Amino acid sequence: MDRLIENRLYAPLIADDHHLQANMLKTMFRAKDIEHSILVSDSIALGPGTWRI
């Protein structure tokens, strides 16, 4: 919660409707402006093989 109320901090958000449901995401965007929000993902879909990211 500190990341939402402290203006100097950025808030990472996983907006996938699993970690954060849509209504909670809207609430978080109201608390933390878009400039201090970071959308992240915990998923990556790559086929078989060796990949460099």
C-alpha atoms as a PDB file:
ATOM      1  CA  MET A   1       0.000   0.000   0.000  1.00  0.00           C
ATOM      2  CA  ASP A   2       2.904   2.395   0.604  1.00  0.00           C
ATOM      3  CA  ARG A   3       3.590   2.489  -3.135  1.00  0.00           C
ATOM      4  CA  LEU A   4       0.050   3.732  -3.746  1.00  0.00           C
ATOM      5  CA  ILE A   5       0.058   6.542  -1.214  1.00  0.00           C
ATOM      6  CA  GLU A   6       3.661   7.748  -1.584  1.00  0.00           C
ATOM      7  CA  ASN A   7       3.895  10.036  -4.633  1.00  0.00           C
ATOM      8  CA  ARG A   8       7.662   9.513  -5.073  1.00  0.00           C
ATOM      9  CA  LEU A   9       7.270   5.761  -5.611  1.00  0.00           C
ATOM     10  CA  TYR A  10       6.164   3.858  -8.707  1.00  0.00           C
ATOM     11  CA  ALA A  11       3.608   1.046  -8.477  1.00  0.00           C
ATOM     12  CA  PRO A  12       4.109  -2.130 -10.545  1.00  0.00           C
ATOM     13  CA  LEU A  13       0.753  -3.642 -11.520  1.00  0.00           C
ATOM     14  CA  ILE A  14       0.029  -7.031 -13.099  1.00  0.00           C
ATOM     15  CA  ALA A  15      -3.191  -6.183 -14.940  1.00  0.00           C
ATOM     16  CA  ASP A  16      -4.289  -9.634 -16.086  1.00  0.00           C
ATOM     17  CA  ASP A  17      -7.596 -10.050 -14.204  1.00  0.00           C
ATOM     18  CA  HIS A  18      -5.931 -12.857 -12.230  1.00  0.00           C
ATOM     19  CA  HIS A  19      -3.536 -10.931  -9.999  1.00  0.00           C
ATOM     20  CA  LEU A  20      -5.638  -7.761 -10.110  1.00  0.00           C
ATOM     21  CA  GLN A  21      -9.294  -7.709 -10.990  1.00  0.00           C
ATOM     22  CA  ALA A  22     -10.569  -4.817 -13.105  1.00  0.00           C
ATOM     23  CA  ASN A  23     -12.282  -3.001 -10.219  1.00  0.00           C
ATOM     24  CA  MET A  24      -9.103  -3.143  -8.097  1.00  0.00           C
ATOM     25  CA  LEU A  25      -7.004  -1.909 -11.020  1.00  0.00           C
ATOM     26  CA  LYS A  26      -9.345   1.080 -11.446  1.00  0.00           C
ATOM     27  CA  THR A  27      -9.036   1.824  -7.732  1.00  0.00           C
ATOM     28  CA  MET A  28      -5.243   1.662  -7.924  1.00  0.00           C
ATOM     29  CA  PHE A  29      -5.179   4.024 -10.925  1.00  0.00           C
ATOM     30  CA  ARG A  30      -7.270   6.482  -8.908  1.00  0.00           C
ATOM     31  CA  ALA A  31      -4.780   6.298  -6.048  1.00  0.00           C
ATOM     32  CA  LYS A  32      -1.653   6.330  -8.240  1.00  0.00           C
ATOM     33  CA  ASP A  33      -1.554   8.436 -11.388  1.00  0.00           C
ATOM     34  CA  ILE A  34      -0.709   6.805 -14.708  1.00  0.00           C
ATOM     35  CA  GLU A  35       2.744   8.436 -14.755  1.00  0.00           C
ATOM     36  CA  HIS A  36       3.700   6.495 -11.617  1.00  0.00           C
ATOM     37  CA  SER A  37       2.172   3.149 -12.617  1.00  0.00           C
ATOM     38  CA  ILE A  38       4.114   0.373 -14.333  1.00  0.00           C
ATOM     39  CA  LEU A  39       2.210  -2.408 -16.085  1.00  0.00           C
ATOM     40  CA  VAL A  40       4.076  -5.698 -15.900  1.00  0.00           C
ATOM     41  CA  SER A  41       3.470  -9.310 -16.894  1.00  0.00           C
ATOM     42  CA  ASP A  42       4.511 -12.529 -15.231  1.00  0.00           C
ATOM     43  CA  SER A  43       3.936 -14.563 -18.354  1.00  0.00           C
ATOM     44  CA  ILE A  44       5.792 -15.114 -21.582  1.00  0.00           C
ATOM     45  CA  ALA A  45       4.812 -17.497 -24.360  1.00  0.00           C
ATOM     46  CA  LEU A  46       7.745 -18.708 -26.410  1.00  0.00           C
ATOM     47  CA  GLY A  47       7.923 -21.952 -28.330  1.00  0.00           C
ATOM     48  CA  PRO A  48      10.481 -24.683 -27.690  1.00  0.00           C
ATOM     49  CA  GLY A  49      14.116 -23.749 -28.131  1.00  0.00           C
ATOM     50  CA  THR A  50      16.763 -21.463 -26.717  1.00  0.00           C
ATOM     51  CA  TRP A  51      15.814 -17.799 -26.471  1.00  0.00           C
ATOM     52  CA  ARG A  52      17.693 -14.658 -25.483  1.00  0.00           C
ATOM     53  CA  ILE A  53      15.660 -11.855 -24.012  1.00  0.00           C
END
